[in-house]
Amino acid sequence: MKLQILGTGCPKCKLLAEHAETAAKELGLPYEIEKITDIGQIIQLGVMMTPGLAVDGKVVSSGKVLSAEAIKQLLQEGS
């Protein structure tokens, strides 16, 4: 599973990355985290507010820092 963090590297983006990693680890899922910091690429994915989170190329959240629990729920719903 590829978890993509969409943002310029701000503290909120880093926190979202930590929460995503925690969620994947707690679920025991194989994962890879990719940080996308290029604004053009972020906009191309349809995200206008950062941080954003995409799972396997599908944007599941933008403009907020999801908790690890919320990300776990998203990942479980998607599997």
PDB file of N, CA and C in Angstrom:
ATOM      1  N   MET A   1       0.845  -1.166   0.000  1.00  0.00           N
ATOM      2  CA  MET A   1       0.000   0.000   0.000  1.00  0.00           C
ATOM      3  C   MET A   1       0.892   1.230   0.000  1.00  0.00           C
ATOM      4  N   LYS A   2       0.534   2.186  -0.839  1.00  0.00           N
ATOM      5  CA  LYS A   2       1.319   3.421  -0.890  1.00  0.00           C
ATOM      6  C   LYS A   2       0.504   4.542  -0.238  1.00  0.00           C
ATOM      7  N   LEU A   3       1.071   5.133   0.805  1.00  0.00           N
ATOM      8  CA  LEU A   3       0.466   6.278   1.477  1.00  0.00           C
ATOM      9  C   LEU A   3       1.219   7.519   1.021  1.00  0.00           C
ATOM     10  N   GLN A   4       0.510   8.446   0.419  1.00  0.00           N
ATOM     11  CA  GLN A   4       1.152   9.655  -0.087  1.00  0.00           C
ATOM     12  C   GLN A   4       0.722  10.846   0.763  1.00  0.00           C
ATOM     13  N   ILE A   5       1.712  11.571   1.260  1.00  0.00           N
ATOM     14  CA  ILE A   5       1.471  12.788   2.028  1.00  0.00           C
ATOM     15  C   ILE A   5       1.664  13.952   1.074  1.00  0.00           C
ATOM     16  N   LEU A   6       0.629  14.731   0.911  1.00  0.00           N
ATOM     17  CA  LEU A   6       0.653  15.839  -0.038  1.00  0.00           C
ATOM     18  C   LEU A   6       0.792  17.146   0.722  1.00  0.00           C
ATOM     19  N   GLY A   7       1.939  17.786   0.581  1.00  0.00           N
ATOM     20  CA  GLY A   7       2.158  19.042   1.284  1.00  0.00           C
ATOM     21  C   GLY A   7       3.590  19.504   1.111  1.00  0.00           C
ATOM     22  N   THR A   8       3.825  20.718   1.510  1.00  0.00           N
ATOM     23  CA  THR A   8       5.130  21.329   1.269  1.00  0.00           C
ATOM     24  C   THR A   8       6.175  20.981   2.316  1.00  0.00           C
ATOM     25  N   GLY A   9       5.795  20.195   3.293  1.00  0.00           N
ATOM     26  CA  GLY A   9       6.745  19.839   4.346  1.00  0.00           C
ATOM     27  C   GLY A   9       6.546  20.632   5.621  1.00  0.00           C
ATOM     28  N   CYS A  10       5.383  21.240   5.758  1.00  0.00           N
ATOM     29  CA  CYS A  10       5.072  22.025   6.952  1.00  0.00           C
ATOM     30  C   CYS A  10       4.877  21.093   8.158  1.00  0.00           C
ATOM     31  N   PRO A  11       4.814  21.640   9.360  1.00  0.00           N
ATOM     32  CA  PRO A  11       4.611  20.798  10.545  1.00  0.00           C
ATOM     33  C   PRO A  11       3.351  19.941  10.476  1.00  0.00           C
ATOM     34  N   LYS A  12       2.272  20.458   9.890  1.00  0.00           N
ATOM     35  CA  LYS A  12       1.040  19.667   9.768  1.00  0.00           C
ATOM     36  C   LYS A  12       1.255  18.480   8.834  1.00  0.00           C
ATOM     37  N   CYS A  13       2.028  18.680   7.779  1.00  0.00           N
ATOM     38  CA  CYS A  13       2.316  17.587   6.836  1.00  0.00           C
ATOM     39  C   CYS A  13       3.133  16.503   7.537  1.00  0.00           C
ATOM     40  N   LYS A  14       4.099  16.923   8.335  1.00  0.00           N
ATOM     41  CA  LYS A  14       4.927  15.962   9.060  1.00  0.00           C
ATOM     42  C   LYS A  14       4.101  15.192  10.076  1.00  0.00           C
ATOM     43  N   LEU A  15       3.174  15.873  10.736  1.00  0.00           N
ATOM     44  CA  LEU A  15       2.311  15.216  11.720  1.00  0.00           C
ATOM     45  C   LEU A  15       1.390  14.206  11.028  1.00  0.00           C
ATOM     46  N   LEU A  16       0.857  14.582   9.875  1.00  0.00           N
ATOM     47  CA  LEU A  16       0.000  13.665   9.126  1.00  0.00           C
ATOM     48  C   LEU A  16       0.784  12.423   8.707  1.00  0.00           C
ATOM     49  N   ALA A  17       2.029  12.610   8.307  1.00  0.00           N
ATOM     50  CA  ALA A  17       2.874  11.475   7.919  1.00  0.00           C
ATOM     51  C   ALA A  17       3.087  10.548   9.117  1.00  0.00           C
ATOM     52  N   GLU A  18       3.319  11.131  10.284  1.00  0.00           N
ATOM     53  CA  GLU A  18       3.500  10.318  11.493  1.00  0.00           C
ATOM     54  C   GLU A  18       2.238   9.517  11.807  1.00  0.00           C
ATOM     55  N   HIS A  19       1.081  10.177  11.702  1.00  0.00           N
ATOM     56  CA  HIS A  19      -0.187   9.504  11.987  1.00  0.00           C
ATOM     57  C   HIS A  19      -0.441   8.389  10.982  1.00  0.00           C
ATOM     58  N   ALA A  20      -0.130   8.634   9.716  1.00  0.00           N
ATOM     59  CA  ALA A  20      -0.346   7.613   8.677  1.00  0.00           C
ATOM     60  C   ALA A  20       0.548   6.407   8.932  1.00  0.00           C
ATOM     61  N   GLU A  21       1.787   6.667   9.304  1.00  0.00           N
ATOM     62  CA  GLU A  21       2.724   5.571   9.581  1.00  0.00           C
ATOM     63  C   GLU A  21       2.256   4.784  10.807  1.00  0.00           C
ATOM     64  N   THR A  22       1.822   5.475  11.838  1.00  0.00           N
ATOM     65  CA  THR A  22       1.312   4.812  13.047  1.00  0.00           C
ATOM     66  C   THR A  22       0.110   3.940  12.710  1.00  0.00           C
ATOM     67  N   ALA A  23      -0.820   4.465  11.912  1.00  0.00           N
ATOM     68  CA  ALA A  23      -2.023   3.716  11.552  1.00  0.00           C
ATOM     69  C   ALA A  23      -1.658   2.444  10.786  1.00  0.00           C
ATOM     70  N   ALA A  24      -0.778   2.559   9.813  1.00  0.00           N
ATOM     71  CA  ALA A  24      -0.401   1.386   9.011  1.00  0.00           C
ATOM     72  C   ALA A  24       0.314   0.342   9.874  1.00  0.00           C
ATOM     73  N   LYS A  25       1.182   0.802  10.761  1.00  0.00           N
ATOM     74  CA  LYS A  25       1.903  -0.122  11.639  1.00  0.00           C
ATOM     75  C   LYS A  25       0.946  -0.833  12.577  1.00  0.00           C
ATOM     76  N   GLU A  26       0.015  -0.089  13.168  1.00  0.00           N
ATOM     77  CA  GLU A  26      -0.920  -0.695  14.116  1.00  0.00           C
ATOM     78  C   GLU A  26      -1.840  -1.714  13.448  1.00  0.00           C
ATOM     79  N   LEU A  27      -2.117  -1.515  12.168  1.00  0.00           N
ATOM     80  CA  LEU A  27      -2.950  -2.469  11.432  1.00  0.00           C
ATOM     81  C   LEU A  27      -2.128  -3.618  10.869  1.00  0.00           C
ATOM     82  N   GLY A  28      -0.813  -3.487  10.946  1.00  0.00           N
ATOM     83  CA  GLY A  28       0.059  -4.533  10.430  1.00  0.00           C
ATOM     84  C   GLY A  28       0.064  -4.618   8.916  1.00  0.00           C
ATOM     85  N   LEU A  29      -0.163  -3.493   8.272  1.00  0.00           N
ATOM     86  CA  LEU A  29      -0.217  -3.472   6.815  1.00  0.00           C
ATOM     87  C   LEU A  29       1.159  -3.186   6.228  1.00  0.00           C
ATOM     88  N   PRO A  30       1.488  -3.832   5.120  1.00  0.00           N
ATOM     89  CA  PRO A  30       2.709  -3.441   4.418  1.00  0.00           C
ATOM     90  C   PRO A  30       2.455  -2.076   3.763  1.00  0.00           C
ATOM     91  N   TYR A  31       3.376  -1.165   3.917  1.00  0.00           N
ATOM     92  CA  TYR A  31       3.137   0.181   3.396  1.00  0.00           C
ATOM     93  C   TYR A  31       4.430   0.843   2.964  1.00  0.00           C
ATOM     94  N   GLU A  32       4.226   1.892   2.193  1.00  0.00           N
ATOM     95  CA  GLU A  32       5.328   2.753   1.752  1.00  0.00           C
ATOM     96  C   GLU A  32       4.787   4.169   1.863  1.00  0.00           C
ATOM     97  N   ILE A  33       5.575   5.062   2.425  1.00  0.00           N
ATOM     98  CA  ILE A  33       5.148   6.456   2.523  1.00  0.00           C
ATOM     99  C   ILE A  33       5.919   7.281   1.516  1.00  0.00           C
ATOM    100  N   GLU A  34       5.187   8.029   0.728  1.00  0.00           N
ATOM    101  CA  GLU A  34       5.792   8.935  -0.245  1.00  0.00           C
ATOM    102  C   GLU A  34       5.342  10.347   0.097  1.00  0.00           C
ATOM    103  N   LYS A  35       6.288  11.250   0.189  1.00  0.00           N
ATOM    104  CA  LYS A  35       5.947  12.645   0.470  1.00  0.00           C
ATOM    105  C   LYS A  35       6.028  13.423  -0.839  1.00  0.00           C
ATOM    106  N   ILE A  36       4.907  13.995  -1.234  1.00  0.00           N
ATOM    107  CA  ILE A  36       4.856  14.788  -2.465  1.00  0.00           C
ATOM    108  C   ILE A  36       4.834  16.254  -2.066  1.00  0.00           C
ATOM    109  N   THR A  37       5.897  16.963  -2.399  1.00  0.00           N
ATOM    110  CA  THR A  37       6.022  18.362  -1.981  1.00  0.00           C
ATOM    111  C   THR A  37       5.888  19.338  -3.160  1.00  0.00           C
ATOM    112  N   ASP A  38       5.839  18.818  -4.365  1.00  0.00           N
ATOM    113  CA  ASP A  38       5.738  19.676  -5.548  1.00  0.00           C
ATOM    114  C   ASP A  38       4.303  20.196  -5.686  1.00  0.00           C
ATOM    115  N   ILE A  39       4.147  21.517  -5.615  1.00  0.00           N
ATOM    116  CA  ILE A  39       2.811  22.128  -5.661  1.00  0.00           C
ATOM    117  C   ILE A  39       2.058  21.743  -6.931  1.00  0.00           C
ATOM    118  N   GLY A  40       2.747  21.718  -8.058  1.00  0.00           N
ATOM    119  CA  GLY A  40       2.092  21.364  -9.314  1.00  0.00           C
ATOM    120  C   GLY A  40       1.523  19.957  -9.279  1.00  0.00           C
ATOM    121  N   GLN A  41       2.284  19.039  -8.731  1.00  0.00           N
ATOM    122  CA  GLN A  41       1.831  17.649  -8.628  1.00  0.00           C
ATOM    123  C   GLN A  41       0.669  17.531  -7.638  1.00  0.00           C
ATOM    124  N   ILE A  42       0.730  18.302  -6.561  1.00  0.00           N
ATOM    125  CA  ILE A  42      -0.346  18.278  -5.559  1.00  0.00           C
ATOM    126  C   ILE A  42      -1.646  18.781  -6.183  1.00  0.00           C
ATOM    127  N   ILE A  43      -1.557  19.869  -6.929  1.00  0.00           N
ATOM    128  CA  ILE A  43      -2.749  20.426  -7.586  1.00  0.00           C
ATOM    129  C   ILE A  43      -3.272  19.454  -8.639  1.00  0.00           C
ATOM    130  N   GLN A  44      -2.356  18.796  -9.335  1.00  0.00           N
ATOM    131  CA  GLN A  44      -2.752  17.826 -10.358  1.00  0.00           C
ATOM    132  C   GLN A  44      -3.561  16.678  -9.740  1.00  0.00           C
ATOM    133  N   LEU A  45      -3.279  16.366  -8.489  1.00  0.00           N
ATOM    134  CA  LEU A  45      -4.036  15.315  -7.800  1.00  0.00           C
ATOM    135  C   LEU A  45      -5.381  15.838  -7.277  1.00  0.00           C
ATOM    136  N   GLY A  46      -5.640  17.139  -7.447  1.00  0.00           N
ATOM    137  CA  GLY A  46      -6.924  17.709  -7.046  1.00  0.00           C
ATOM    138  C   GLY A  46      -6.962  18.246  -5.635  1.00  0.00           C
ATOM    139  N   VAL A  47      -5.810  18.392  -5.001  1.00  0.00           N
ATOM    140  CA  VAL A  47      -5.756  18.889  -3.630  1.00  0.00           C
ATOM    141  C   VAL A  47      -5.455  20.389  -3.645  1.00  0.00           C
ATOM    142  N   MET A  48      -6.387  21.168  -3.085  1.00  0.00           N
ATOM    143  CA  MET A  48      -6.216  22.620  -3.044  1.00  0.00           C
ATOM    144  C   MET A  48      -5.784  23.105  -1.662  1.00  0.00           C
ATOM    145  N   MET A  49      -5.975  22.259  -0.653  1.00  0.00           N
ATOM    146  CA  MET A  49      -5.558  22.613   0.705  1.00  0.00           C
ATOM    147  C   MET A  49      -4.711  21.479   1.254  1.00  0.00           C
ATOM    148  N   THR A  50      -3.587  21.821   1.824  1.00  0.00           N
ATOM    149  CA  THR A  50      -2.709  20.811   2.397  1.00  0.00           C
ATOM    150  C   THR A  50      -2.832  20.841   3.919  1.00  0.00           C
ATOM    151  N   PRO A  51      -2.465  19.785   4.586  1.00  0.00           N
ATOM    152  CA  PRO A  51      -1.925  18.554   4.039  1.00  0.00           C
ATOM    153  C   PRO A  51      -3.011  17.672   3.447  1.00  0.00           C
ATOM    154  N   GLY A  52      -2.580  16.832   2.531  1.00  0.00           N
ATOM    155  CA  GLY A  52      -3.491  15.871   1.941  1.00  0.00           C
ATOM    156  C   GLY A  52      -2.945  14.464   2.113  1.00  0.00           C
ATOM    157  N   LEU A  53      -3.854  13.518   2.039  1.00  0.00           N
ATOM    158  CA  LEU A  53      -3.468  12.116   2.153  1.00  0.00           C
ATOM    159  C   LEU A  53      -4.093  11.347   1.004  1.00  0.00           C
ATOM    160  N   ALA A  54      -3.267  10.593   0.307  1.00  0.00           N
ATOM    161  CA  ALA A  54      -3.758   9.717  -0.760  1.00  0.00           C
ATOM    162  C   ALA A  54      -3.321   8.294  -0.436  1.00  0.00           C
ATOM    163  N   VAL A  55      -4.201   7.357  -0.740  1.00  0.00           N
ATOM    164  CA  VAL A  55      -3.908   5.937  -0.542  1.00  0.00           C
ATOM    165  C   VAL A  55      -3.933   5.282  -1.911  1.00  0.00           C
ATOM    166  N   ASP A  56      -2.807   4.736  -2.302  1.00  0.00           N
ATOM    167  CA  ASP A  56      -2.659   4.102  -3.617  1.00  0.00           C
ATOM    168  C   ASP A  56      -3.140   5.029  -4.741  1.00  0.00           C
ATOM    169  N   GLY A  57      -2.797   6.309  -4.642  1.00  0.00           N
ATOM    170  CA  GLY A  57      -3.108   7.268  -5.696  1.00  0.00           C
ATOM    171  C   GLY A  57      -4.466   7.922  -5.600  1.00  0.00           C
ATOM    172  N   LYS A  58      -5.293   7.515  -4.636  1.00  0.00           N
ATOM    173  CA  LYS A  58      -6.627   8.095  -4.470  1.00  0.00           C
ATOM    174  C   LYS A  58      -6.619   9.035  -3.266  1.00  0.00           C
ATOM    175  N   VAL A  59      -6.970  10.299  -3.487  1.00  0.00           N
ATOM    176  CA  VAL A  59      -6.980  11.274  -2.393  1.00  0.00           C
ATOM    177  C   VAL A  59      -8.148  10.957  -1.460  1.00  0.00           C
ATOM    178  N   VAL A  60      -7.835  10.796  -0.181  1.00  0.00           N
ATOM    179  CA  VAL A  60      -8.866  10.468   0.808  1.00  0.00           C
ATOM    180  C   VAL A  60      -9.089  11.596   1.810  1.00  0.00           C
ATOM    181  N   SER A  61      -8.200  12.586   1.814  1.00  0.00           N
ATOM    182  CA  SER A  61      -8.347  13.696   2.751  1.00  0.00           C
ATOM    183  C   SER A  61      -7.515  14.871   2.273  1.00  0.00           C
ATOM    184  N   SER A  62      -8.032  16.090   2.542  1.00  0.00           N
ATOM    185  CA  SER A  62      -7.226  17.274   2.264  1.00  0.00           C
ATOM    186  C   SER A  62      -7.621  18.390   3.218  1.00  0.00           C
ATOM    187  N   GLY A  63      -6.646  19.219   3.538  1.00  0.00           N
ATOM    188  CA  GLY A  63      -6.890  20.387   4.366  1.00  0.00           C
ATOM    189  C   GLY A  63      -6.960  20.138   5.855  1.00  0.00           C
ATOM    190  N   LYS A  64      -6.635  18.917   6.291  1.00  0.00           N
ATOM    191  CA  LYS A  64      -6.671  18.658   7.731  1.00  0.00           C
ATOM    192  C   LYS A  64      -5.698  17.546   8.096  1.00  0.00           C
ATOM    193  N   VAL A  65      -5.365  17.517   9.369  1.00  0.00           N
ATOM    194  CA  VAL A  65      -4.502  16.462   9.892  1.00  0.00           C
ATOM    195  C   VAL A  65      -5.401  15.408  10.520  1.00  0.00           C
ATOM    196  N   LEU A  66      -5.511  14.289   9.854  1.00  0.00           N
ATOM    197  CA  LEU A  66      -6.313  13.194  10.396  1.00  0.00           C
ATOM    198  C   LEU A  66      -5.561  12.538  11.536  1.00  0.00           C
ATOM    199  N   SER A  67      -6.306  12.079  12.522  1.00  0.00           N
ATOM    200  CA  SER A  67      -5.688  11.325  13.618  1.00  0.00           C
ATOM    201  C   SER A  67      -5.310   9.937  13.110  1.00  0.00           C
ATOM    202  N   ALA A  68      -4.450   9.263  13.853  1.00  0.00           N
ATOM    203  CA  ALA A  68      -4.074   7.897  13.483  1.00  0.00           C
ATOM    204  C   ALA A  68      -5.306   7.004  13.478  1.00  0.00           C
ATOM    205  N   GLU A  69      -6.218   7.220  14.427  1.00  0.00           N
ATOM    206  CA  GLU A  69      -7.442   6.416  14.482  1.00  0.00           C
ATOM    207  C   GLU A  69      -8.305   6.636  13.248  1.00  0.00           C
ATOM    208  N   ALA A  70      -8.425   7.883  12.804  1.00  0.00           N
ATOM    209  CA  ALA A  70      -9.231   8.177  11.609  1.00  0.00           C
ATOM    210  C   ALA A  70      -8.603   7.535  10.371  1.00  0.00           C
ATOM    211  N   ILE A  71      -7.291   7.557  10.300  1.00  0.00           N
ATOM    212  CA  ILE A  71      -6.607   6.941   9.161  1.00  0.00           C
ATOM    213  C   ILE A  71      -6.780   5.424   9.208  1.00  0.00           C
ATOM    214  N   LYS A  72      -6.707   4.859  10.388  1.00  0.00           N
ATOM    215  CA  LYS A  72      -6.925   3.410  10.515  1.00  0.00           C
ATOM    216  C   LYS A  72      -8.310   3.037   9.989  1.00  0.00           C
ATOM    217  N   GLN A  73      -9.293   3.844  10.336  1.00  0.00           N
ATOM    218  CA  GLN A  73     -10.660   3.571   9.883  1.00  0.00           C
ATOM    219  C   GLN A  73     -10.734   3.653   8.352  1.00  0.00           C
ATOM    220  N   LEU A  74     -10.099   4.661   7.771  1.00  0.00           N
ATOM    221  CA  LEU A  74     -10.083   4.797   6.306  1.00  0.00           C
ATOM    222  C   LEU A  74      -9.418   3.587   5.657  1.00  0.00           C
ATOM    223  N   LEU A  75      -8.315   3.164   6.229  1.00  0.00           N
ATOM    224  CA  LEU A  75      -7.577   2.044   5.647  1.00  0.00           C
ATOM    225  C   LEU A  75      -8.373   0.743   5.765  1.00  0.00           C
ATOM    226  N   GLN A  76      -9.077   0.582   6.865  1.00  0.00           N
ATOM    227  CA  GLN A  76      -9.886  -0.624   7.037  1.00  0.00           C
ATOM    228  C   GLN A  76     -11.083  -0.632   6.093  1.00  0.00           C
ATOM    229  N   GLU A  77     -11.674   0.539   5.862  1.00  0.00           N
ATOM    230  CA  GLU A  77     -12.814   0.632   4.948  1.00  0.00           C
ATOM    231  C   GLU A  77     -12.379   0.351   3.511  1.00  0.00           C
ATOM    232  N   GLY A  78     -11.145   0.729   3.196  1.00  0.00           N
ATOM    233  CA  GLY A  78     -10.643   0.556   1.842  1.00  0.00           C
ATOM    234  C   GLY A  78     -10.157  -0.844   1.537  1.00  0.00           C
ATOM    235  N   SER A  79      -9.976  -1.663   2.575  1.00  0.00           N
ATOM    236  CA  SER A  79      -9.441  -3.002   2.312  1.00  0.00           C
ATOM    237  C   SER A  79     -10.523  -4.052   2.236  1.00  0.00           C
TER     238      SER A  79
END
